[in-house]
Protein backbone atom coordinates (compact mmCIF):
# COMPACT_ATOMS: atom_id res chain seq x y z
CA MET A 1 57.28 -71.13 46.61
CA ALA A 2 55.41 -67.96 45.64
CA SER A 3 51.67 -68.14 46.08
CA ALA A 4 49.51 -68.07 42.98
CA ALA A 5 47.94 -64.78 42.01
CA PRO A 6 44.24 -64.52 42.89
CA GLN A 7 41.93 -65.38 40.04
CA GLY A 8 38.75 -63.51 39.27
CA PRO A 9 35.63 -65.00 37.69
CA THR A 10 36.10 -66.32 34.17
CA SER A 11 32.54 -65.95 32.84
CA ALA A 12 31.27 -62.63 31.48
CA TRP A 13 28.34 -62.69 33.91
CA GLY A 14 30.66 -63.40 36.82
CA ARG A 15 32.81 -60.39 35.90
CA VAL A 16 29.75 -58.15 35.66
CA MET A 17 28.54 -59.28 39.08
CA LEU A 18 32.00 -58.72 40.53
CA PHE A 19 31.99 -55.22 39.07
CA PHE A 20 28.61 -54.52 40.69
CA GLU A 21 30.01 -55.74 44.00
CA THR A 22 33.10 -53.58 43.50
CA ILE A 23 31.08 -50.40 43.07
CA LYS A 24 28.50 -51.35 45.72
CA PHE A 25 25.69 -51.13 43.16
CA GLU A 26 23.08 -51.53 45.89
CA HIS A 27 24.10 -48.17 47.34
CA SER A 28 22.32 -46.48 44.44
CA VAL A 29 19.51 -46.33 47.01
CA PHE A 30 21.30 -43.32 48.53
CA ALA A 31 20.78 -41.23 45.39
CA LEU A 32 17.69 -42.54 43.61
CA PRO A 33 15.16 -41.41 46.25
CA PHE A 34 16.19 -37.75 45.87
CA ALA A 35 15.73 -37.94 42.11
CA ALA A 36 12.37 -39.69 42.50
CA ALA A 37 11.15 -37.20 45.11
CA THR A 38 12.14 -34.29 42.86
CA ALA A 39 10.35 -35.83 39.88
CA PHE A 40 7.12 -36.08 41.89
CA LEU A 41 7.57 -32.50 43.12
CA VAL A 42 7.96 -31.33 39.51
CA ALA A 43 4.77 -33.12 38.46
CA ASP A 44 2.99 -32.21 41.71
CA GLY A 45 1.73 -35.78 41.65
CA LEU A 46 2.40 -38.84 39.56
CA PRO A 47 4.88 -38.00 36.77
CA ASP A 48 4.72 -39.55 33.33
CA TRP A 49 6.40 -42.94 33.40
CA GLU A 50 8.73 -42.34 30.43
CA PRO A 51 10.83 -39.48 31.85
CA LEU A 52 10.85 -41.29 35.19
CA VAL A 53 12.42 -44.37 33.57
CA TRP A 54 15.02 -42.28 31.73
CA LEU A 55 15.84 -40.43 34.94
CA ALA A 56 16.39 -43.72 36.76
CA ILE A 57 18.67 -44.98 33.99
CA ALA A 58 20.61 -41.70 34.00
CA MET A 59 21.01 -41.79 37.77
CA VAL A 60 22.18 -45.40 37.92
CA GLY A 61 24.47 -44.90 34.92
CA ALA A 62 26.09 -41.81 36.41
CA ARG A 63 26.58 -43.39 39.82
CA THR A 64 27.99 -46.58 38.30
CA PHE A 65 30.46 -44.54 36.24
CA GLY A 66 31.43 -42.44 39.26
CA MET A 67 32.02 -45.38 41.58
CA GLY A 68 33.99 -47.17 38.89
CA ALA A 69 36.19 -44.08 38.48
CA ASN A 70 36.62 -43.92 42.25
CA ARG A 71 37.81 -47.53 42.39
CA VAL A 72 40.25 -47.14 39.47
CA ILE A 73 41.69 -43.81 40.61
CA ASP A 74 42.10 -45.01 44.21
CA ALA A 75 43.35 -48.53 43.41
CA GLU A 76 46.91 -47.92 44.65
CA ILE A 77 45.66 -46.14 47.78
CA ASP A 78 43.22 -48.97 48.48
CA ALA A 79 46.03 -51.53 48.10
CA ARG A 80 47.98 -49.85 50.94
CA ASN A 81 44.98 -49.80 53.29
CA PRO A 82 44.28 -53.10 55.13
CA ARG A 83 40.54 -52.29 55.20
CA THR A 84 40.31 -51.84 51.43
CA ALA A 85 43.13 -54.08 50.17
CA THR A 86 40.64 -56.90 49.58
CA ARG A 87 38.63 -54.81 47.10
CA ALA A 88 38.53 -56.39 43.65
CA ILE A 89 41.11 -54.24 41.84
CA PRO A 90 43.89 -54.23 44.48
CA ALA A 91 43.19 -57.92 45.16
CA GLY A 92 43.69 -58.72 41.47
CA LEU A 93 40.18 -60.12 40.97
CA ILE A 94 39.33 -57.59 38.25
CA THR A 95 41.59 -55.32 36.22
CA SER A 96 41.40 -51.57 35.89
CA ARG A 97 40.95 -52.05 32.13
CA GLN A 98 37.88 -54.21 32.71
CA VAL A 99 36.44 -51.60 35.06
CA TRP A 100 37.02 -48.91 32.43
CA VAL A 101 34.99 -50.96 29.94
CA TYR A 102 32.05 -51.13 32.35
CA MET A 103 32.47 -47.43 33.15
CA PHE A 104 32.18 -46.48 29.49
CA MET A 105 29.06 -48.64 29.20
CA ALA A 106 27.59 -46.86 32.23
CA ALA A 107 28.53 -43.45 30.80
CA ALA A 108 26.87 -44.41 27.50
CA ALA A 109 23.69 -45.41 29.35
CA PHE A 110 23.78 -42.07 31.21
CA LEU A 111 24.21 -40.03 28.02
CA ILE A 112 21.55 -41.96 26.11
CA ALA A 113 19.09 -41.45 28.98
CA VAL A 114 19.88 -37.73 29.28
CA SER A 115 19.42 -37.31 25.53
CA GLN A 116 15.79 -38.37 26.02
CA LEU A 117 15.18 -35.59 28.53
CA ASP A 118 15.23 -31.80 28.19
CA ARG A 119 17.91 -30.42 25.86
CA LEU A 120 19.38 -28.24 28.62
CA ALA A 121 20.09 -31.38 30.65
CA TRP A 122 22.06 -32.74 27.69
CA TYR A 123 24.14 -29.57 27.45
CA LEU A 124 24.90 -29.69 31.18
CA SER A 125 25.63 -33.44 31.34
CA PRO A 126 29.46 -33.03 31.00
CA ILE A 127 29.41 -31.23 34.36
CA VAL A 128 28.09 -34.38 36.00
CA ILE A 129 30.86 -36.52 34.48
CA ALA A 130 33.52 -33.97 35.46
CA VAL A 131 32.38 -33.83 39.10
CA LEU A 132 32.30 -37.64 39.32
CA VAL A 133 35.89 -37.91 38.06
CA PHE A 134 37.18 -34.97 40.11
CA TYR A 135 35.93 -36.17 43.51
CA PRO A 136 38.36 -39.11 44.05
CA TYR A 137 41.35 -36.78 43.60
CA THR A 138 40.27 -34.29 46.26
CA LYS A 139 41.46 -36.34 49.25
CA ARG A 140 44.97 -35.87 47.87
CA PHE A 141 44.96 -32.12 48.47
CA THR A 142 42.08 -31.00 50.75
CA TRP A 143 40.29 -32.15 53.88
CA LEU A 144 37.12 -30.73 52.33
CA ALA A 145 36.92 -33.86 50.14
CA HIS A 146 33.69 -34.81 51.92
CA LEU A 147 32.00 -31.75 50.42
CA ALA A 148 33.35 -32.73 47.01
CA LEU A 149 31.46 -36.01 47.39
CA GLY A 150 28.46 -33.98 48.51
CA ALA A 151 28.77 -31.93 45.33
CA VAL A 152 27.77 -35.07 43.41
CA TYR A 153 24.50 -35.08 45.34
CA ILE A 154 23.85 -31.35 45.24
CA ILE A 155 23.43 -31.85 41.49
CA ILE A 156 20.70 -34.49 41.72
CA PRO A 157 17.55 -32.47 42.57
CA PRO A 158 18.37 -29.46 40.31
CA ALA A 159 19.44 -31.76 37.48
CA THR A 160 16.21 -33.73 37.80
CA TRP A 161 14.15 -30.53 37.73
CA ILE A 162 16.03 -29.25 34.68
CA ALA A 163 15.73 -32.61 32.93
CA MET A 164 11.95 -32.53 33.30
CA THR A 165 11.23 -28.83 32.83
CA GLY A 166 14.20 -27.14 31.15
CA ASP A 167 14.16 -24.63 34.00
CA LEU A 168 15.46 -24.33 37.57
CA ASN A 169 13.73 -23.60 40.86
CA TRP A 170 15.38 -22.11 43.96
CA GLY A 171 13.50 -24.46 46.24
CA VAL A 172 14.88 -27.55 44.55
CA THR A 173 18.36 -25.99 44.65
CA TRP A 174 18.11 -25.90 48.45
CA LEU A 175 16.93 -29.50 48.36
CA GLY A 176 20.24 -30.25 46.63
CA VAL A 177 22.15 -28.38 49.32
CA GLY A 178 20.43 -30.53 51.92
CA ALA A 179 21.47 -33.68 50.05
CA MET A 180 25.04 -32.40 49.84
CA PHE A 181 25.42 -31.83 53.58
CA TRP A 182 23.67 -35.12 54.36
CA VAL A 183 26.19 -37.05 52.25
CA ALA A 184 29.19 -35.04 53.46
CA GLY A 185 28.09 -35.60 57.05
CA PHE A 186 27.91 -39.36 56.77
CA ASP A 187 31.10 -39.48 54.69
CA ILE A 188 32.90 -37.85 57.63
CA ILE A 189 31.59 -40.64 59.85
CA TYR A 190 32.82 -43.25 57.38
CA ALA A 191 36.26 -41.61 57.18
CA THR A 192 36.86 -42.14 60.90
CA ALA A 193 37.63 -45.79 60.06
CA ASP A 194 40.70 -44.74 58.09
CA ILE A 195 42.08 -41.94 60.26
CA GLU A 196 45.44 -43.60 60.98
CA ILE A 197 46.07 -44.91 57.47
CA ASP A 198 45.07 -41.56 55.96
CA ARG A 199 47.59 -39.79 58.17
CA ALA A 200 50.27 -42.33 57.29
CA GLN A 201 49.61 -41.93 53.56
CA GLY A 202 49.28 -38.14 53.69
CA LEU A 203 45.64 -38.26 52.62
CA ASN A 204 43.22 -35.55 53.67
CA SER A 205 39.96 -35.88 55.56
CA ILE A 206 38.24 -34.04 58.37
CA PRO A 207 38.96 -36.88 60.86
CA SER A 208 42.65 -37.04 59.90
CA ARG A 209 42.93 -33.24 60.11
CA PHE A 210 40.96 -32.54 63.29
CA GLY A 211 40.65 -35.89 65.09
CA ILE A 212 37.63 -38.12 65.61
CA LYS A 213 35.90 -36.12 68.34
CA ALA A 214 35.94 -32.84 66.40
CA ALA A 215 35.06 -34.66 63.18
CA LEU A 216 31.92 -36.14 64.69
CA TRP A 217 30.82 -32.71 65.87
CA ILE A 218 31.40 -31.36 62.36
CA SER A 219 29.35 -34.26 61.00
CA ARG A 220 26.53 -33.37 63.40
CA SER A 221 26.65 -29.74 62.31
CA PHE A 222 26.46 -30.81 58.66
CA HIS A 223 23.40 -32.90 59.42
CA LEU A 224 21.81 -29.96 61.22
CA VAL A 225 22.35 -27.91 58.06
CA THR A 226 20.70 -30.76 56.15
CA VAL A 227 17.53 -30.54 58.22
CA ILE A 228 17.40 -26.74 57.98
CA THR A 229 17.88 -26.67 54.22
CA LEU A 230 15.37 -29.47 53.61
CA ALA A 231 12.80 -27.47 55.57
CA LEU A 232 13.69 -24.30 53.65
CA ALA A 233 13.35 -26.16 50.35
CA GLY A 234 9.91 -27.40 51.34
CA THR A 235 8.84 -23.86 52.23
CA LEU A 236 10.05 -22.43 48.92
CA LEU A 237 8.41 -25.27 47.01
CA ASP A 238 5.14 -24.78 48.92
CA ALA A 239 5.26 -28.49 49.67
CA HIS A 240 2.53 -30.52 51.35
CA ALA A 241 2.62 -31.02 55.12
CA LEU A 242 3.83 -34.58 54.58
CA TYR A 243 7.06 -33.16 53.14
CA PHE A 244 7.76 -31.59 56.52
CA VAL A 245 6.81 -34.80 58.30
CA GLY A 246 9.45 -36.46 56.15
CA THR A 247 11.95 -33.78 57.11
CA GLY A 248 11.19 -34.41 60.79
CA ALA A 249 11.57 -38.15 60.30
CA ALA A 250 14.91 -37.59 58.57
CA ALA A 251 16.02 -35.38 61.47
CA ALA A 252 15.13 -38.07 64.00
CA LEU A 253 16.90 -40.77 61.98
CA LEU A 254 19.99 -38.59 61.56
CA ALA A 255 20.07 -38.01 65.31
CA TYR A 256 19.85 -41.77 65.86
CA GLU A 257 22.61 -42.35 63.31
CA GLN A 258 24.85 -39.93 65.18
CA ARG A 259 24.15 -41.73 68.47
CA LEU A 260 25.39 -45.03 67.03
CA ILE A 261 29.00 -43.90 67.19
CA SER A 262 31.26 -42.01 69.56
CA PRO A 263 34.97 -41.12 69.67
CA THR A 264 35.56 -44.18 71.85
CA ASP A 265 33.23 -46.65 70.09
CA LEU A 266 33.15 -46.99 66.31
CA SER A 267 31.91 -50.59 66.39
CA LYS A 268 28.57 -49.66 64.78
CA LEU A 269 30.15 -47.71 61.93
CA GLY A 270 28.75 -50.08 59.32
CA ALA A 271 25.19 -49.69 60.60
CA ALA A 272 25.57 -45.91 60.80
CA PHE A 273 26.87 -45.63 57.25
CA PHE A 274 25.22 -48.33 55.17
CA THR A 275 21.93 -49.19 56.87
CA MET A 276 20.80 -45.87 58.30
CA ASN A 277 21.51 -43.75 55.25
CA GLY A 278 19.56 -46.02 52.96
CA ILE A 279 16.63 -45.84 55.39
CA ILE A 280 16.87 -42.05 55.69
CA ALA A 281 16.81 -41.51 51.92
CA VAL A 282 13.85 -43.84 51.37
CA VAL A 283 11.81 -42.53 54.32
CA PHE A 284 12.28 -38.87 53.37
CA ALA A 285 11.47 -39.50 49.70
CA GLY A 286 8.47 -41.63 50.67
CA PHE A 287 6.88 -38.78 52.64
CA VAL A 288 7.68 -36.25 49.90
CA ILE A 289 6.12 -38.46 47.23
CA ALA A 290 3.08 -39.20 49.39
CA GLY A 291 2.58 -35.47 49.88
CA THR A 292 2.44 -34.86 46.13
CA LEU A 293 -0.06 -37.67 45.65
CA VAL A 294 -2.54 -36.53 48.29
CA ALA A 295 -2.29 -32.79 47.65
């Protein structure tokens, strides 16, 4: 007798919570600190609460839309990967159509929030949506897909600056570059878990292209670039000394993250990816914000 198809939650609230679990809503902590730190740098102290709230809504809306798109676009790939086959869409707990509904709600929240910020941010907002949709496809044709994910984060500090000022600053652009290489570096680490299945499916990543040992060295080099560009950004922004303390703390934490894994031991991959990166983002942003408040 054929087994019954898995059933997802029947209540509206249950479906919403399942969607949040599907997109790992809690991982918004990776992106929000960079937006918050930039907002405090713009204000050189405590920013007005209203734009800060709209920025937070825009950030969460954009990330929710992007992760939803990632899950829908990659549903068939996830179904063929034992590690990801239990995700909600391939497991049949939620449908792609339901995810699209939540994605459009998230996109609406993003656009409404952006409309309350500088007009230039509104004109540039389609770029954000385009990058979020484009990223999931990149693993199908280039091993530089990690940098495509990083491109989502390179936007955050400049977009925040533009949203609050209608202008752009070279220092905050380098802050975005630092965020890009930070994310690309830890995404390489995460991709080591799927090296065999990626090769079997013809998917592209730095680990599947170069092997785990070389990939980890590339990840380390990306994180070195992160530290250098964060320091350069602080110099160009004439940031407080605490900014550079935060950069040093981020460097130490990145070094620790890299020490958690090796080509022969990936057992701490979860800690390296999920736990450490949330800590790094919050610690760095905390020092940056503190520097603007005591300056």
